[in-house]
Amino acid sequence: MGRIGMPEILVILAVVLLLFGGKKIPELMKGLGSGVNEFKKAAKGEDEANAASKKEEETK
């Protein structure tokens, strides 16, 4: 118990399809994808900001 197999995934997808309908799912996935992209950009931006500040300290 604890592992999600193919039958469980199919049941979850069927429930999502029944709840939201076929027309709403692409909009939900688009929103989810844009959220993930924004999160990645924010995380990458912090890394770049840290690298830039370290580079400035090294040049001083």
PDB file of N, CA and C in Angstrom:
ATOM      1  N   MET A   1       0.840  -1.169   0.000  1.00  0.00           N
ATOM      2  CA  MET A   1       0.000   0.000   0.000  1.00  0.00           C
ATOM      3  C   MET A   1       0.887   1.234   0.000  1.00  0.00           C
ATOM      4  N   GLY A   2       0.447   2.293  -0.667  1.00  0.00           N
ATOM      5  CA  GLY A   2       1.251   3.496  -0.735  1.00  0.00           C
ATOM      6  C   GLY A   2       1.746   3.789  -2.134  1.00  0.00           C
ATOM      7  N   ARG A   3       1.785   2.783  -2.951  1.00  0.00           N
ATOM      8  CA  ARG A   3       2.210   3.003  -4.326  1.00  0.00           C
ATOM      9  C   ARG A   3       0.985   3.245  -5.203  1.00  0.00           C
ATOM     10  N   ILE A   4       1.144   4.161  -6.145  1.00  0.00           N
ATOM     11  CA  ILE A   4       0.048   4.449  -7.069  1.00  0.00           C
ATOM     12  C   ILE A   4       0.341   3.749  -8.382  1.00  0.00           C
ATOM     13  N   GLY A   5      -0.540   2.866  -8.762  1.00  0.00           N
ATOM     14  CA  GLY A   5      -0.378   2.119 -10.003  1.00  0.00           C
ATOM     15  C   GLY A   5      -1.246   2.683 -11.113  1.00  0.00           C
ATOM     16  N   MET A   6      -1.250   2.018 -12.228  1.00  0.00           N
ATOM     17  CA  MET A   6      -2.012   2.457 -13.386  1.00  0.00           C
ATOM     18  C   MET A   6      -3.522   2.486 -13.122  1.00  0.00           C
ATOM     19  N   PRO A   7      -4.101   1.488 -12.445  1.00  0.00           N
ATOM     20  CA  PRO A   7      -5.556   1.559 -12.191  1.00  0.00           C
ATOM     21  C   PRO A   7      -5.945   2.774 -11.344  1.00  0.00           C
ATOM     22  N   GLU A   8      -5.135   3.101 -10.360  1.00  0.00           N
ATOM     23  CA  GLU A   8      -5.430   4.255  -9.522  1.00  0.00           C
ATOM     24  C   GLU A   8      -5.346   5.556 -10.309  1.00  0.00           C
ATOM     25  N   ILE A   9      -4.354   5.659 -11.168  1.00  0.00           N
ATOM     26  CA  ILE A   9      -4.201   6.856 -11.998  1.00  0.00           C
ATOM     27  C   ILE A   9      -5.400   7.009 -12.929  1.00  0.00           C
ATOM     28  N   LEU A  10      -5.857   5.908 -13.513  1.00  0.00           N
ATOM     29  CA  LEU A  10      -7.020   5.959 -14.400  1.00  0.00           C
ATOM     30  C   LEU A  10      -8.277   6.399 -13.649  1.00  0.00           C
ATOM     31  N   VAL A  11      -8.447   5.930 -12.430  1.00  0.00           N
ATOM     32  CA  VAL A  11      -9.605   6.334 -11.631  1.00  0.00           C
ATOM     33  C   VAL A  11      -9.527   7.822 -11.314  1.00  0.00           C
ATOM     34  N   ILE A  12      -8.351   8.306 -10.940  1.00  0.00           N
ATOM     35  CA  ILE A  12      -8.171   9.731 -10.645  1.00  0.00           C
ATOM     36  C   ILE A  12      -8.472  10.572 -11.880  1.00  0.00           C
ATOM     37  N   LEU A  13      -7.973  10.166 -13.038  1.00  0.00           N
ATOM     38  CA  LEU A  13      -8.236  10.901 -14.274  1.00  0.00           C
ATOM     39  C   LEU A  13      -9.721  10.903 -14.621  1.00  0.00           C
ATOM     40  N   ALA A  14     -10.396   9.788 -14.388  1.00  0.00           N
ATOM     41  CA  ALA A  14     -11.838   9.719 -14.660  1.00  0.00           C
ATOM     42  C   ALA A  14     -12.606  10.666 -13.746  1.00  0.00           C
ATOM     43  N   VAL A  15     -12.219  10.734 -12.481  1.00  0.00           N
ATOM     44  CA  VAL A  15     -12.888  11.630 -11.540  1.00  0.00           C
ATOM     45  C   VAL A  15     -12.649  13.083 -11.929  1.00  0.00           C
ATOM     46  N   VAL A  16     -11.422  13.418 -12.316  1.00  0.00           N
ATOM     47  CA  VAL A  16     -11.113  14.785 -12.744  1.00  0.00           C
ATOM     48  C   VAL A  16     -11.926  15.143 -13.981  1.00  0.00           C
ATOM     49  N   LEU A  17     -12.013  14.226 -14.910  1.00  0.00           N
ATOM     50  CA  LEU A  17     -12.800  14.466 -16.120  1.00  0.00           C
ATOM     51  C   LEU A  17     -14.273  14.683 -15.794  1.00  0.00           C
ATOM     52  N   LEU A  18     -14.805  13.927 -14.866  1.00  0.00           N
ATOM     53  CA  LEU A  18     -16.210  14.097 -14.471  1.00  0.00           C
ATOM     54  C   LEU A  18     -16.434  15.422 -13.734  1.00  0.00           C
ATOM     55  N   LEU A  19     -15.482  15.804 -12.906  1.00  0.00           N
ATOM     56  CA  LEU A  19     -15.643  17.032 -12.129  1.00  0.00           C
ATOM     57  C   LEU A  19     -15.534  18.289 -12.986  1.00  0.00           C
ATOM     58  N   PHE A  20     -14.539  18.327 -13.842  1.00  0.00           N
ATOM     59  CA  PHE A  20     -14.250  19.556 -14.571  1.00  0.00           C
ATOM     60  C   PHE A  20     -14.755  19.559 -16.008  1.00  0.00           C
ATOM     61  N   GLY A  21     -14.982  18.422 -16.581  1.00  0.00           N
ATOM     62  CA  GLY A  21     -15.431  18.360 -17.966  1.00  0.00           C
ATOM     63  C   GLY A  21     -14.265  18.448 -18.933  1.00  0.00           C
ATOM     64  N   GLY A  22     -14.507  18.035 -20.151  1.00  0.00           N
ATOM     65  CA  GLY A  22     -13.451  17.975 -21.159  1.00  0.00           C
ATOM     66  C   GLY A  22     -12.964  19.329 -21.625  1.00  0.00           C
ATOM     67  N   LYS A  23     -13.816  20.354 -21.571  1.00  0.00           N
ATOM     68  CA  LYS A  23     -13.427  21.673 -22.071  1.00  0.00           C
ATOM     69  C   LYS A  23     -12.575  22.450 -21.072  1.00  0.00           C
ATOM     70  N   LYS A  24     -12.737  22.159 -19.814  1.00  0.00           N
ATOM     71  CA  LYS A  24     -12.043  22.925 -18.778  1.00  0.00           C
ATOM     72  C   LYS A  24     -10.635  22.388 -18.496  1.00  0.00           C
ATOM     73  N   ILE A  25     -10.381  21.129 -18.773  1.00  0.00           N
ATOM     74  CA  ILE A  25      -9.095  20.515 -18.440  1.00  0.00           C
ATOM     75  C   ILE A  25      -7.927  21.173 -19.165  1.00  0.00           C
ATOM     76  N   PRO A  26      -7.996  21.489 -20.471  1.00  0.00           N
ATOM     77  CA  PRO A  26      -6.856  22.165 -21.110  1.00  0.00           C
ATOM     78  C   PRO A  26      -6.530  23.518 -20.468  1.00  0.00           C
ATOM     79  N   GLU A  27      -7.562  24.236 -20.037  1.00  0.00           N
ATOM     80  CA  GLU A  27      -7.318  25.518 -19.367  1.00  0.00           C
ATOM     81  C   GLU A  27      -6.617  25.303 -18.037  1.00  0.00           C
ATOM     82  N   LEU A  28      -7.021  24.278 -17.303  1.00  0.00           N
ATOM     83  CA  LEU A  28      -6.381  23.977 -16.023  1.00  0.00           C
ATOM     84  C   LEU A  28      -4.913  23.589 -16.221  1.00  0.00           C
ATOM     85  N   MET A  29      -4.643  22.775 -17.219  1.00  0.00           N
ATOM     86  CA  MET A  29      -3.267  22.346 -17.478  1.00  0.00           C
ATOM     87  C   MET A  29      -2.403  23.516 -17.944  1.00  0.00           C
ATOM     88  N   LYS A  30      -2.983  24.411 -18.728  1.00  0.00           N
ATOM     89  CA  LYS A  30      -2.249  25.589 -19.186  1.00  0.00           C
ATOM     90  C   LYS A  30      -1.869  26.459 -17.988  1.00  0.00           C
ATOM     91  N   GLY A  31      -2.803  26.656 -17.073  1.00  0.00           N
ATOM     92  CA  GLY A  31      -2.524  27.424 -15.869  1.00  0.00           C
ATOM     93  C   GLY A  31      -1.476  26.762 -15.002  1.00  0.00           C
ATOM     94  N   LEU A  32      -1.550  25.453 -14.873  1.00  0.00           N
ATOM     95  CA  LEU A  32      -0.566  24.714 -14.094  1.00  0.00           C
ATOM     96  C   LEU A  32       0.818  24.833 -14.725  1.00  0.00           C
ATOM     97  N   GLY A  33       0.891  24.710 -16.043  1.00  0.00           N
ATOM     98  CA  GLY A  33       2.175  24.814 -16.745  1.00  0.00           C
ATOM     99  C   GLY A  33       2.786  26.199 -16.611  1.00  0.00           C
ATOM    100  N   SER A  34       1.966  27.240 -16.719  1.00  0.00           N
ATOM    101  CA  SER A  34       2.510  28.591 -16.584  1.00  0.00           C
ATOM    102  C   SER A  34       2.971  28.839 -15.155  1.00  0.00           C
ATOM    103  N   GLY A  35       2.282  28.266 -14.187  1.00  0.00           N
ATOM    104  CA  GLY A  35       2.710  28.401 -12.794  1.00  0.00           C
ATOM    105  C   GLY A  35       4.053  27.739 -12.548  1.00  0.00           C
ATOM    106  N   VAL A  36       4.234  26.562 -13.110  1.00  0.00           N
ATOM    107  CA  VAL A  36       5.503  25.853 -12.964  1.00  0.00           C
ATOM    108  C   VAL A  36       6.630  26.638 -13.640  1.00  0.00           C
ATOM    109  N   ASN A  37       6.357  27.199 -14.826  1.00  0.00           N
ATOM    110  CA  ASN A  37       7.370  27.993 -15.521  1.00  0.00           C
ATOM    111  C   ASN A  37       7.762  29.227 -14.721  1.00  0.00           C
ATOM    112  N   GLU A  38       6.788  29.906 -14.130  1.00  0.00           N
ATOM    113  CA  GLU A  38       7.090  31.081 -13.317  1.00  0.00           C
ATOM    114  C   GLU A  38       7.918  30.698 -12.100  1.00  0.00           C
ATOM    115  N   PHE A  39       7.593  29.570 -11.494  1.00  0.00           N
ATOM    116  CA  PHE A  39       8.366  29.102 -10.343  1.00  0.00           C
ATOM    117  C   PHE A  39       9.810  28.812 -10.737  1.00  0.00           C
ATOM    118  N   LYS A  40      10.004  28.167 -11.885  1.00  0.00           N
ATOM    119  CA  LYS A  40      11.360  27.874 -12.349  1.00  0.00           C
ATOM    120  C   LYS A  40      12.128  29.152 -12.632  1.00  0.00           C
ATOM    121  N   LYS A  41      11.471  30.138 -13.257  1.00  0.00           N
ATOM    122  CA  LYS A  41      12.128  31.414 -13.541  1.00  0.00           C
ATOM    123  C   LYS A  41      12.514  32.123 -12.257  1.00  0.00           C
ATOM    124  N   ALA A  42      11.636  32.089 -11.257  1.00  0.00           N
ATOM    125  CA  ALA A  42      11.931  32.741  -9.981  1.00  0.00           C
ATOM    126  C   ALA A  42      13.104  32.053  -9.288  1.00  0.00           C
ATOM    127  N   ALA A  43      13.121  30.731  -9.309  1.00  0.00           N
ATOM    128  CA  ALA A  43      14.209  29.996  -8.685  1.00  0.00           C
ATOM    129  C   ALA A  43      15.516  30.255  -9.424  1.00  0.00           C
ATOM    130  N   LYS A  44      15.453  30.306 -10.739  1.00  0.00           N
ATOM    131  CA  LYS A  44      16.651  30.569 -11.534  1.00  0.00           C
ATOM    132  C   LYS A  44      17.120  32.007 -11.322  1.00  0.00           C
ATOM    133  N   GLY A  45      16.181  32.929 -11.174  1.00  0.00           N
ATOM    134  CA  GLY A  45      16.524  34.330 -10.941  1.00  0.00           C
ATOM    135  C   GLY A  45      17.251  34.518  -9.629  1.00  0.00           C
ATOM    136  N   GLU A  46      16.853  33.783  -8.587  1.00  0.00           N
ATOM    137  CA  GLU A  46      17.550  33.861  -7.312  1.00  0.00           C
ATOM    138  C   GLU A  46      18.965  33.338  -7.452  1.00  0.00           C
ATOM    139  N   ASP A  47      19.134  32.249  -8.187  1.00  0.00           N
ATOM    140  CA  ASP A  47      20.465  31.694  -8.403  1.00  0.00           C
ATOM    141  C   ASP A  47      21.344  32.683  -9.160  1.00  0.00           C
ATOM    142  N   GLU A  48      20.779  33.321 -10.183  1.00  0.00           N
ATOM    143  CA  GLU A  48      21.536  34.296 -10.956  1.00  0.00           C
ATOM    144  C   GLU A  48      21.878  35.517 -10.113  1.00  0.00           C
ATOM    145  N   ALA A  49      20.953  35.945  -9.253  1.00  0.00           N
ATOM    146  CA  ALA A  49      21.209  37.093  -8.387  1.00  0.00           C
ATOM    147  C   ALA A  49      22.319  36.774  -7.401  1.00  0.00           C
ATOM    148  N   ASN A  50      22.327  35.567  -6.842  1.00  0.00           N
ATOM    149  CA  ASN A  50      23.390  35.166  -5.922  1.00  0.00           C
ATOM    150  C   ASN A  50      24.732  35.102  -6.636  1.00  0.00           C
ATOM    151  N   ALA A  51      24.738  34.582  -7.850  1.00  0.00           N
ATOM    152  CA  ALA A  51      25.986  34.482  -8.620  1.00  0.00           C
ATOM    153  C   ALA A  51      26.501  35.872  -8.968  1.00  0.00           C
ATOM    154  N   ALA A  52      25.603  36.792  -9.319  1.00  0.00           N
ATOM    155  CA  ALA A  52      26.012  38.152  -9.665  1.00  0.00           C
ATOM    156  C   ALA A  52      26.581  38.870  -8.452  1.00  0.00           C
ATOM    157  N   SER A  53      25.969  38.691  -7.287  1.00  0.00           N
ATOM    158  CA  SER A  53      26.480  39.361  -6.086  1.00  0.00           C
ATOM    159  C   SER A  53      27.831  38.790  -5.689  1.00  0.00           C
ATOM    160  N   LYS A  54      28.030  37.493  -5.846  1.00  0.00           N
ATOM    161  CA  LYS A  54      29.339  36.889  -5.536  1.00  0.00           C
ATOM    162  C   LYS A  54      30.396  37.387  -6.516  1.00  0.00           C
ATOM    163  N   LYS A  55      30.011  37.545  -7.777  1.00  0.00           N
ATOM    164  CA  LYS A  55      30.956  38.009  -8.793  1.00  0.00           C
ATOM    165  C   LYS A  55      31.371  39.449  -8.492  1.00  0.00           C
ATOM    166  N   GLU A  56      30.413  40.275  -8.048  1.00  0.00           N
ATOM    167  CA  GLU A  56      30.724  41.667  -7.694  1.00  0.00           C
ATOM    168  C   GLU A  56      31.678  41.721  -6.501  1.00  0.00           C
ATOM    169  N   GLU A  57      31.467  40.842  -5.511  1.00  0.00           N
ATOM    170  CA  GLU A  57      32.343  40.818  -4.343  1.00  0.00           C
ATOM    171  C   GLU A  57      33.749  40.393  -4.717  1.00  0.00           C
ATOM    172  N   GLU A  58      33.857  39.475  -5.672  1.00  0.00           N
ATOM    173  CA  GLU A  58      35.180  38.996  -6.096  1.00  0.00           C
ATOM    174  C   GLU A  58      35.945  40.082  -6.853  1.00  0.00           C
ATOM    175  N   THR A  59      35.239  40.929  -7.598  1.00  0.00           N
ATOM    176  CA  THR A  59      35.926  41.950  -8.388  1.00  0.00           C
ATOM    177  C   THR A  59      36.383  43.136  -7.533  1.00  0.00           C
ATOM    178  N   LYS A  60      35.833  43.268  -6.329  1.00  0.00           N
ATOM    179  CA  LYS A  60      36.215  44.399  -5.463  1.00  0.00           C
ATOM    180  C   LYS A  60      37.526  44.205  -4.827  1.00  0.00           C
TER     181      LYS A  60
END
